[in-house]
């Protein structure tokens, strides 16, 4: 049994502000562009899609600290602070001198970090009189969180879930419906975007890009409806910084400071959430912490994508975003980490990579599940397939410490549990999972077609 040590903040110690890293970046991210005018977006350009306050946060490059609304803070206190844990058993199993810590975002009732942004987005929508919200979801953790948050604030929610993920994880759809949301597999025949995608390819299994197109279309064609997003955009990462701000205080309680911070990477919400508060000390105080984003090697936008302006969705409804991308029409392999099957990276992360302040690593599917099984058997927590990528990257770094003898301090974000992902573990344990590789030629061809 692990001699786990858990560091937990008191309710009064929960941060009351989010951290906006854009204010402290020496090189600001390039602006999102209006696809019709090719001019930088203004708040009013976004406000017909998103809640107004989220639009202001999205484009705010001046204010480093943004107050968490009192009502949202009170609801955070239902489940926050989440524990920081020293993974002694994992360290022992690896035989590493490294000190491994994980921030456990799986312990809240929704099972993942996604609720941290779902609550404020629904709060802001309710404040401006919105009655309906819509969104996309991959693995379903964002859809579940948004469905619950919508019910908390008396909103009606419609969720487009990536079709292959809906088949792989049917209980996540059930959770959304239990909270009162309507759920459609994407691509669907309920929107113009979905019909066009299915007409072009009747066997299309869906992607986050297709689901975003459908959700945005519904939001813009339905009275009193706003679109909410679970990752990628700046305001989503902003809300998630509650994770890293808590972890800062908890690392101080442990008497250590991370040499490296690691998180899995789909669009960037949980990575930014844990990394940005620590990164501000690199930007402002001369710290030398290393930041590692772990993505699937079948969807390698950080390590093998191209930096360019691209759409955030397949149909081209979103603004043009300056991002590392595989192309907005990229069709990722049907890996079980459904939350990481996205073609692009958020604009903040993309700029940070350009500036050499962080880097990505790509993890094969089998290596991610190897790490997830090891973590389960040592720490007693079955991680989500997405989180397995962060664990795998942490294991890689811990093994390097065996070779060098360094006692590095490694911090990773356990973004969610995998208790509704057991079909994926069954496939792994039965030897039915495979790795999916994509060639440089395939990536180049896809980018040329965008």
Protein backbone atom coordinates (compact mmCIF):
# COMPACT_ATOMS: atom_id res chain seq x y z
CA UNK A 1 0.00 0.00 0.00
CA UNK A 2 1.33 3.44 -0.89
CA UNK A 3 2.50 5.77 1.86
CA UNK A 4 0.81 8.53 -0.12
CA UNK A 5 1.06 12.02 1.30
CA UNK A 6 -1.81 14.32 0.37
CA UNK A 7 -1.58 18.10 0.57
CA UNK A 8 -5.01 19.73 0.86
CA UNK A 9 -5.80 23.44 1.19
CA UNK A 10 -8.40 24.81 3.55
CA UNK A 11 -11.52 26.36 2.03
CA UNK A 12 -10.26 29.83 2.93
CA UNK A 13 -7.07 29.20 0.92
CA UNK A 14 -8.81 28.57 -2.42
CA UNK A 15 -7.68 31.24 -4.93
CA UNK A 16 -10.19 34.02 -5.54
CA UNK A 17 -8.73 35.12 -8.90
CA UNK A 18 -7.74 33.37 -12.12
CA UNK A 19 -4.35 34.04 -13.68
CA UNK A 20 -4.19 35.49 -17.22
CA UNK A 21 -0.73 34.63 -18.58
CA UNK A 22 -1.26 36.82 -21.68
CA UNK A 23 -0.63 39.91 -19.56
CA UNK A 24 2.87 38.70 -18.63
CA UNK A 25 3.97 37.27 -21.98
CA UNK A 26 6.76 39.29 -23.56
CA UNK A 27 5.56 38.25 -27.00
CA UNK A 28 1.78 38.39 -27.05
CA UNK A 29 -0.12 35.81 -29.08
CA UNK A 30 -1.04 36.92 -32.57
CA UNK A 31 -4.70 38.02 -32.74
CA UNK A 32 -7.50 35.80 -33.96
CA UNK A 33 -8.75 36.95 -37.36
CA UNK A 34 -12.28 37.46 -38.63
CA UNK A 35 -12.56 35.03 -41.58
CA UNK A 36 -14.61 37.47 -43.69
CA UNK A 37 -12.85 40.79 -43.07
CA UNK A 38 -9.40 39.37 -42.26
CA UNK A 39 -9.20 41.94 -39.48
CA UNK A 40 -8.28 41.17 -35.84
CA UNK A 41 -11.32 40.14 -33.87
CA UNK A 42 -13.07 42.52 -31.52
CA UNK A 43 -15.17 41.56 -28.52
CA UNK A 44 -18.37 42.30 -30.43
CA UNK A 45 -17.30 39.87 -33.19
CA UNK A 46 -17.29 37.02 -30.67
CA UNK A 47 -20.29 38.09 -28.60
CA UNK A 48 -22.88 36.59 -30.95
CA UNK A 49 -21.34 33.17 -30.25
CA UNK A 50 -19.99 33.29 -26.67
CA UNK A 51 -21.15 34.94 -23.44
CA UNK A 52 -19.92 38.54 -23.42
CA UNK A 53 -17.70 38.22 -20.35
CA UNK A 54 -15.95 35.22 -21.89
CA UNK A 55 -15.29 37.31 -25.01
CA UNK A 56 -13.68 40.03 -22.89
CA UNK A 57 -11.50 37.47 -21.13
CA UNK A 58 -10.55 35.88 -24.44
CA UNK A 59 -9.00 39.09 -25.80
CA UNK A 60 -7.63 40.52 -22.54
CA UNK A 61 -3.85 40.94 -22.77
CA UNK A 62 -3.55 43.54 -19.99
CA UNK A 63 -4.93 42.20 -16.72
CA UNK A 64 -2.91 39.42 -15.10
CA UNK A 65 -5.54 38.71 -12.44
CA UNK A 66 -9.28 38.34 -13.06
CA UNK A 67 -11.71 38.00 -10.17
CA UNK A 68 -13.65 34.76 -9.89
CA UNK A 69 -17.35 35.68 -9.48
CA UNK A 70 -18.56 35.11 -5.94
CA UNK A 71 -21.27 32.70 -7.05
CA UNK A 72 -18.77 30.60 -9.04
CA UNK A 73 -16.33 30.63 -6.13
CA UNK A 74 -19.04 29.31 -3.81
CA UNK A 75 -19.72 26.45 -6.22
CA UNK A 76 -16.00 25.73 -6.54
CA UNK A 77 -16.01 25.19 -2.79
CA UNK A 78 -18.33 22.20 -3.24
CA UNK A 79 -15.35 20.21 -4.50
CA UNK A 80 -12.23 22.36 -4.23
CA UNK A 81 -9.45 22.40 -3.27
CA UNK A 82 -8.40 19.14 -4.91
CA UNK A 83 -5.49 17.25 -3.36
CA UNK A 84 -1.86 17.32 -4.41
CA UNK A 85 -0.40 13.84 -3.88
CA UNK A 86 3.18 12.58 -3.59
CA UNK A 87 3.21 9.33 -5.58
CA UNK A 88 5.59 7.34 -3.39
CA UNK A 89 4.39 3.95 -4.66
CA UNK A 90 4.93 4.95 -8.29
CA UNK A 91 8.41 6.25 -7.43
CA UNK A 92 9.22 2.96 -5.71
CA UNK A 93 7.93 0.85 -8.59
CA UNK A 94 10.11 2.80 -11.03
CA UNK A 95 13.13 2.83 -8.74
CA UNK A 96 13.61 6.52 -9.47
CA UNK A 97 15.21 9.18 -7.29
CA UNK A 98 12.70 11.67 -8.74
CA UNK A 99 9.95 13.07 -6.52
CA UNK A 100 6.66 12.65 -8.39
CA UNK A 101 3.58 14.69 -7.47
CA UNK A 102 0.18 14.75 -9.11
CA UNK A 103 -2.68 17.20 -8.81
CA UNK A 104 -5.78 15.03 -8.58
CA UNK A 105 -8.59 16.65 -10.56
CA UNK A 106 -10.47 13.32 -10.74
CA UNK A 107 -11.97 13.55 -7.25
CA UNK A 108 -14.83 15.95 -7.96
CA UNK A 109 -18.30 14.48 -8.68
CA UNK A 110 -17.92 15.08 -12.43
CA UNK A 111 -14.64 13.14 -12.52
CA UNK A 112 -12.44 15.64 -14.37
CA UNK A 113 -11.09 19.18 -14.46
CA UNK A 114 -13.70 20.28 -17.01
CA UNK A 115 -16.20 21.52 -14.42
CA UNK A 116 -13.76 24.35 -13.53
CA UNK A 117 -14.69 26.15 -16.76
CA UNK A 118 -18.22 24.83 -17.25
CA UNK A 119 -19.44 26.62 -14.13
CA UNK A 120 -18.21 30.13 -15.03
CA UNK A 121 -19.25 29.83 -18.68
CA UNK A 122 -22.81 28.90 -17.67
CA UNK A 123 -22.79 31.57 -14.96
CA UNK A 124 -21.86 34.28 -17.47
CA UNK A 125 -24.45 33.00 -19.96
CA UNK A 126 -27.16 33.10 -17.30
CA UNK A 127 -26.14 36.61 -16.20
CA UNK A 128 -26.78 38.01 -19.67
CA UNK A 129 -30.17 36.33 -19.99
CA UNK A 130 -29.25 33.34 -22.13
CA UNK A 131 -31.61 30.37 -21.89
CA UNK A 132 -29.77 27.74 -23.97
CA UNK A 133 -26.16 26.64 -24.34
CA UNK A 134 -24.58 24.24 -26.78
CA UNK A 135 -21.19 22.61 -27.06
CA UNK A 136 -19.07 19.81 -28.50
CA UNK A 137 -17.40 16.99 -26.60
CA UNK A 138 -14.92 14.26 -27.46
CA UNK A 139 -14.54 11.69 -24.70
CA UNK A 140 -17.57 13.21 -23.00
CA UNK A 141 -16.01 14.68 -19.87
CA UNK A 142 -16.60 18.25 -21.05
CA UNK A 143 -20.10 17.39 -22.18
CA UNK A 144 -20.87 15.89 -18.77
CA UNK A 145 -19.49 18.93 -16.94
CA UNK A 146 -21.32 21.40 -19.18
CA UNK A 147 -24.59 19.47 -18.87
CA UNK A 148 -24.37 19.61 -15.08
CA UNK A 149 -23.33 23.27 -14.96
CA UNK A 150 -26.20 24.19 -17.29
CA UNK A 151 -28.67 22.49 -14.97
CA UNK A 152 -27.14 24.31 -11.97
CA UNK A 153 -27.88 27.65 -13.66
CA UNK A 154 -31.24 26.70 -15.13
CA UNK A 155 -30.10 26.52 -18.77
CA UNK A 156 -31.01 24.02 -21.47
CA UNK A 157 -27.97 22.25 -22.93
CA UNK A 158 -27.42 20.55 -26.30
CA UNK A 159 -24.23 18.52 -26.79
CA UNK A 160 -22.65 17.19 -29.98
CA UNK A 161 -20.46 14.22 -29.07
CA UNK A 162 -17.89 12.84 -31.52
CA UNK A 163 -19.57 9.79 -33.02
CA UNK A 164 -16.72 7.32 -32.46
CA UNK A 165 -16.35 8.47 -28.85
CA UNK A 166 -20.08 8.05 -28.28
CA UNK A 167 -19.73 4.43 -29.38
CA UNK A 168 -16.60 3.86 -27.31
CA UNK A 169 -17.98 5.55 -24.17
CA UNK A 170 -21.79 5.21 -24.18
CA UNK A 171 -22.14 5.89 -20.45
CA UNK A 172 -20.81 9.43 -20.87
CA UNK A 173 -23.77 10.14 -23.13
CA UNK A 174 -26.00 8.66 -20.44
CA UNK A 175 -24.48 10.99 -17.86
CA UNK A 176 -25.20 14.03 -20.02
CA UNK A 177 -28.79 12.94 -20.52
CA UNK A 178 -29.13 12.26 -16.80
CA UNK A 179 -28.24 15.91 -16.18
CA UNK A 180 -30.91 16.94 -18.68
CA UNK A 181 -28.92 17.63 -21.86
CA UNK A 182 -29.83 16.49 -25.35
CA UNK A 183 -26.98 14.57 -27.02
CA UNK A 184 -26.30 14.01 -30.72
CA UNK A 185 -23.54 11.97 -32.29
CA UNK A 186 -21.42 14.12 -34.62
CA UNK A 187 -21.49 14.39 -37.56
CA UNK A 188 -25.29 14.36 -37.49
CA UNK A 189 -28.11 15.19 -39.86
CA UNK A 190 -29.43 17.92 -37.56
CA UNK A 191 -27.21 20.73 -38.92
CA UNK A 192 -26.11 21.95 -42.34
CA UNK A 193 -22.48 21.32 -41.39
CA UNK A 194 -23.22 17.76 -40.30
CA UNK A 195 -25.21 17.01 -43.46
CA UNK A 196 -22.39 18.30 -45.65
CA UNK A 197 -19.80 16.19 -43.84
CA UNK A 198 -21.93 13.04 -44.05
CA UNK A 199 -22.73 13.68 -47.72
CA UNK A 200 -19.01 13.92 -48.48
CA UNK A 201 -18.23 10.84 -46.38
CA UNK A 202 -21.14 8.71 -45.13
CA UNK A 203 -18.75 6.74 -42.89
CA UNK A 204 -17.16 9.75 -41.18
CA UNK A 205 -16.57 8.81 -37.53
CA UNK A 206 -16.38 12.40 -36.35
CA UNK A 207 -13.77 14.63 -34.75
CA UNK A 208 -13.81 17.53 -32.35
CA UNK A 209 -13.63 19.76 -35.42
CA UNK A 210 -16.89 18.36 -36.80
CA UNK A 211 -18.64 18.58 -33.43
CA UNK A 212 -17.54 22.21 -32.96
CA UNK A 213 -18.97 23.10 -36.39
CA UNK A 214 -22.34 21.66 -35.46
CA UNK A 215 -22.46 23.27 -32.02
CA UNK A 216 -21.48 26.70 -33.37
CA UNK A 217 -24.11 26.44 -36.10
CA UNK A 218 -26.79 25.57 -33.56
CA UNK A 219 -25.75 28.47 -31.32
CA UNK A 220 -25.85 30.99 -34.16
CA UNK A 221 -29.21 29.81 -35.54
CA UNK A 222 -31.08 29.36 -32.25
CA UNK A 223 -32.58 32.37 -30.42
CA UNK A 224 -31.08 33.14 -27.01
CA UNK A 225 -28.43 30.43 -27.31
CA UNK A 226 -24.68 30.68 -26.67
CA UNK A 227 -21.83 28.36 -27.54
CA UNK A 228 -19.54 27.10 -24.78
CA UNK A 229 -16.14 25.52 -25.33
CA UNK A 230 -14.24 22.97 -23.28
CA UNK A 231 -10.66 23.73 -24.38
CA UNK A 232 -8.43 25.57 -26.90
CA UNK A 233 -9.54 29.17 -26.29
CA UNK A 234 -7.86 31.57 -23.87
CA UNK A 235 -10.79 32.09 -21.52
CA UNK A 236 -11.10 28.32 -20.97
CA UNK A 237 -7.43 28.00 -19.97
CA UNK A 238 -7.91 31.07 -17.77
CA UNK A 239 -10.66 29.37 -15.75
CA UNK A 240 -8.54 26.25 -15.38
CA UNK A 241 -5.66 28.14 -13.72
CA UNK A 242 -7.43 27.46 -10.43
CA UNK A 243 -5.58 24.11 -10.69
CA UNK A 244 -2.06 25.51 -10.88
CA UNK A 245 -2.72 28.29 -8.38
CA UNK A 246 -3.78 25.69 -5.82
CA UNK A 247 -0.83 23.47 -6.74
CA UNK A 248 1.57 26.37 -6.10
CA UNK A 249 0.36 26.67 -2.52
CA UNK A 250 0.40 22.90 -2.05
CA UNK A 251 3.94 22.50 -3.39
CA UNK A 252 4.98 25.11 -0.83
CA UNK A 253 3.30 22.97 1.85
CA UNK A 254 5.40 20.04 0.60
CA UNK A 255 8.53 22.17 0.79
CA UNK A 256 9.39 21.62 -2.89
CA UNK A 257 9.10 23.36 -6.26
CA UNK A 258 8.69 21.53 -9.58
CA UNK A 259 11.59 21.13 -11.96
CA UNK A 260 9.06 20.12 -14.59
CA UNK A 261 5.30 20.42 -15.02
CA UNK A 262 3.51 17.93 -17.29
CA UNK A 263 -0.05 17.57 -18.57
CA UNK A 264 -1.77 15.79 -21.42
CA UNK A 265 -2.67 17.95 -24.39
CA UNK A 266 -5.72 18.07 -26.64
CA UNK A 267 -6.55 21.75 -27.00
CA UNK A 268 -4.69 23.01 -23.94
CA UNK A 269 -7.15 23.57 -21.08
CA UNK A 270 -5.75 21.25 -18.43
CA UNK A 271 -2.18 21.91 -19.56
CA UNK A 272 -2.62 25.67 -19.28
CA UNK A 273 -4.53 25.20 -16.06
CA UNK A 274 -1.65 23.60 -14.20
CA UNK A 275 1.27 25.10 -16.15
CA UNK A 276 0.50 28.81 -16.57
CA UNK A 277 0.63 29.77 -12.85
CA UNK A 278 4.07 28.16 -12.55
CA UNK A 279 5.19 29.56 -15.91
CA UNK A 280 4.67 33.10 -14.67
CA UNK A 281 7.67 32.57 -12.37
CA UNK A 282 9.78 31.67 -15.43
CA UNK A 283 8.53 34.82 -17.14
CA UNK A 284 8.88 37.18 -14.19
CA UNK A 285 11.27 35.64 -11.65
CA UNK A 286 13.87 33.75 -13.64
CA UNK A 287 12.74 30.24 -12.66
CA UNK A 288 13.84 27.45 -15.00
CA UNK A 289 10.94 25.00 -14.74
CA UNK A 290 10.46 22.79 -17.80
CA UNK A 291 6.94 22.50 -19.24
CA UNK A 292 5.93 19.40 -21.20
CA UNK A 293 2.67 18.84 -23.07
CA UNK A 294 1.97 15.16 -23.80
CA UNK A 295 -0.05 14.51 -26.95
CA UNK A 296 -0.90 11.28 -28.80
CA UNK A 297 1.56 10.43 -31.56
CA UNK A 298 -1.44 9.85 -33.85
CA UNK A 299 -2.44 13.53 -33.49
CA UNK A 300 0.93 15.33 -33.21
CA UNK A 301 0.13 19.01 -33.80
CA UNK A 302 2.68 20.29 -31.24
CA UNK A 303 5.57 18.13 -32.41
CA UNK A 304 4.86 17.84 -36.14
CA UNK A 305 2.18 20.40 -36.97
CA UNK A 306 2.64 23.68 -38.81
CA UNK A 307 2.17 27.13 -37.29
CA UNK A 308 -0.38 29.04 -39.34
CA UNK A 309 -3.79 30.66 -39.17
CA UNK A 310 -6.42 27.95 -39.28
CA UNK A 311 -10.05 27.35 -38.39
CA UNK A 312 -10.89 25.76 -35.07
CA UNK A 313 -13.55 23.57 -36.69
CA UNK A 314 -13.97 21.51 -39.83
CA UNK A 315 -16.68 23.57 -41.54
CA UNK A 316 -14.89 26.90 -41.12
CA UNK A 317 -17.40 28.61 -38.84
CA UNK A 318 -14.90 29.75 -36.21
CA UNK A 319 -12.45 32.65 -36.35
CA UNK A 320 -9.04 31.99 -37.84
CA UNK A 321 -6.65 31.18 -35.00
CA UNK A 322 -2.82 31.41 -35.06
CA UNK A 323 -1.98 27.88 -33.99
CA UNK A 324 0.11 24.81 -34.49
CA UNK A 325 -2.22 22.67 -36.58
CA UNK A 326 -2.50 19.51 -38.64
CA UNK A 327 -5.21 21.19 -40.73
CA UNK A 328 -8.83 21.76 -39.74
CA UNK A 329 -10.00 18.84 -41.91
CA UNK A 330 -7.59 16.41 -40.19
CA UNK A 331 -9.21 13.09 -39.30
CA UNK A 332 -7.50 11.66 -36.24
CA UNK A 333 -7.21 7.95 -35.60
CA UNK A 334 -9.86 6.33 -33.40
CA UNK A 335 -7.73 6.23 -30.26
CA UNK A 336 -9.46 5.90 -26.89
CA UNK A 337 -8.16 9.26 -25.64
CA UNK A 338 -11.08 11.03 -27.30
CA UNK A 339 -10.33 14.36 -25.60
CA UNK A 340 -6.94 14.57 -27.34
CA UNK A 341 -8.21 14.00 -30.91
CA UNK A 342 -8.07 17.65 -31.97
CA UNK A 343 -6.23 19.11 -34.94
CA UNK A 344 -4.92 22.33 -33.39
CA UNK A 345 -3.41 23.94 -30.30
CA UNK A 346 -4.60 27.01 -28.43
CA UNK A 347 -3.05 30.33 -29.46
CA UNK A 348 -1.31 30.92 -26.11
CA UNK A 349 0.35 27.52 -26.11
CA UNK A 350 1.29 27.93 -29.76
CA UNK A 351 3.07 31.21 -28.99
CA UNK A 352 4.80 29.72 -25.95
CA UNK A 353 6.13 26.89 -28.10
CA UNK A 354 7.37 29.38 -30.70
CA UNK A 355 9.17 31.24 -27.90
CA UNK A 356 10.78 28.06 -26.55
CA UNK A 357 9.05 28.30 -23.18
CA UNK A 358 7.55 24.80 -23.39
CA UNK A 359 7.56 21.79 -25.68
CA UNK A 360 5.45 18.83 -26.68
CA UNK A 361 6.14 15.10 -26.64
CA UNK A 362 4.13 12.52 -28.52
CA UNK A 363 3.07 9.30 -26.79
CA UNK A 364 2.02 6.08 -28.58
CA UNK A 365 -1.33 4.65 -27.45
CA UNK A 366 0.18 1.46 -26.02
CA UNK A 367 2.79 3.36 -24.02
CA UNK A 368 0.06 5.54 -22.56
CA UNK A 369 -1.91 2.51 -21.38
CA UNK A 370 1.27 0.85 -20.05
CA UNK A 371 1.71 3.92 -17.85
CA UNK A 372 -1.96 4.01 -16.89
CA UNK A 373 -1.89 0.38 -15.73
CA UNK A 374 1.29 0.99 -13.72
CA UNK A 375 -0.29 4.04 -12.09
CA UNK A 376 -3.47 2.10 -11.31
CA UNK A 377 -1.56 -0.74 -9.66
CA UNK A 378 0.67 1.51 -7.60
CA UNK A 379 -1.51 4.50 -6.69
CA UNK A 380 -4.93 2.83 -6.78
CA UNK A 381 -6.48 5.27 -9.27
CA UNK A 382 -7.58 4.26 -12.77
CA UNK A 383 -6.76 7.31 -14.92
CA UNK A 384 -8.63 8.55 -17.97
CA UNK A 385 -6.94 7.57 -21.26
CA UNK A 386 -6.13 11.26 -21.78
CA UNK A 387 -4.38 11.49 -18.39
CA UNK A 388 -2.42 8.33 -19.21
CA UNK A 389 -0.42 10.44 -21.67
CA UNK A 390 0.70 12.78 -18.88
CA UNK A 391 1.60 9.80 -16.70
CA UNK A 392 3.61 8.27 -19.55
CA UNK A 393 5.55 11.51 -20.02
CA UNK A 394 6.20 11.69 -16.26
CA UNK A 395 7.42 8.08 -16.27
CA UNK A 396 9.81 8.90 -19.13
CA UNK A 397 11.27 11.78 -17.15
CA UNK A 398 11.47 9.74 -13.93
CA UNK A 399 13.40 7.02 -15.77
CA UNK A 400 15.88 9.61 -17.02
CA UNK A 401 16.53 10.47 -13.38
CA UNK A 402 17.54 6.85 -12.77
CA UNK A 403 20.27 7.27 -15.36
CA UNK A 404 21.47 10.65 -14.10
CA UNK A 405 20.84 10.15 -10.38
CA UNK A 406 19.08 13.52 -10.19
CA UNK A 407 16.30 14.02 -7.62
CA UNK A 408 14.14 16.10 -9.91
CA UNK A 409 10.69 17.19 -8.76
CA UNK A 410 8.05 16.21 -11.32
CA UNK A 411 4.50 17.54 -11.16
CA UNK A 412 1.75 16.30 -13.46
CA UNK A 413 -1.96 16.91 -13.72
CA UNK A 414 -4.25 13.92 -13.32
CA UNK A 415 -7.03 15.53 -15.31
CA UNK A 416 -9.66 12.84 -14.82
CA UNK A 417 -10.44 9.26 -13.81
CA UNK A 418 -11.09 6.40 -16.22
CA UNK A 419 -13.93 4.58 -14.49
CA UNK A 420 -16.19 5.12 -17.51
CA UNK A 421 -13.39 4.15 -19.89
CA UNK A 422 -13.13 0.51 -18.90
CA UNK A 423 -13.89 -0.74 -22.41
CA UNK A 424 -10.58 0.86 -23.40
CA UNK A 425 -8.78 -0.94 -20.57
CA UNK A 426 -10.52 -4.20 -21.51
CA UNK A 427 -9.21 -3.79 -25.05
CA UNK A 428 -5.72 -3.10 -23.75
CA UNK A 429 -5.72 -6.06 -21.35
CA UNK A 430 -7.02 -8.33 -24.12
CA UNK A 431 -4.22 -7.26 -26.44
CA UNK A 432 -6.62 -5.64 -28.91
CA UNK A 433 -5.23 -2.08 -28.82
CA UNK A 434 -2.73 -0.91 -31.39
CA UNK A 435 -0.60 2.13 -32.02
CA UNK A 436 -1.58 4.50 -34.82
CA UNK A 437 1.14 6.24 -36.75
CA UNK A 438 0.86 9.09 -39.22
CA UNK A 439 3.57 9.85 -41.75
CA UNK A 440 5.09 13.22 -42.55
CA UNK A 441 3.69 12.82 -46.07
CA UNK A 442 0.14 12.42 -44.76
CA UNK A 443 0.50 15.52 -42.57
CA UNK A 444 1.93 17.55 -45.44
CA UNK A 445 -0.84 16.46 -47.80
CA UNK A 446 -3.56 17.32 -45.30
CA UNK A 447 -2.12 20.79 -44.67
CA UNK A 448 -1.91 21.43 -48.41
CA UNK A 449 -5.61 20.59 -48.79
CA UNK A 450 -6.71 23.08 -46.10
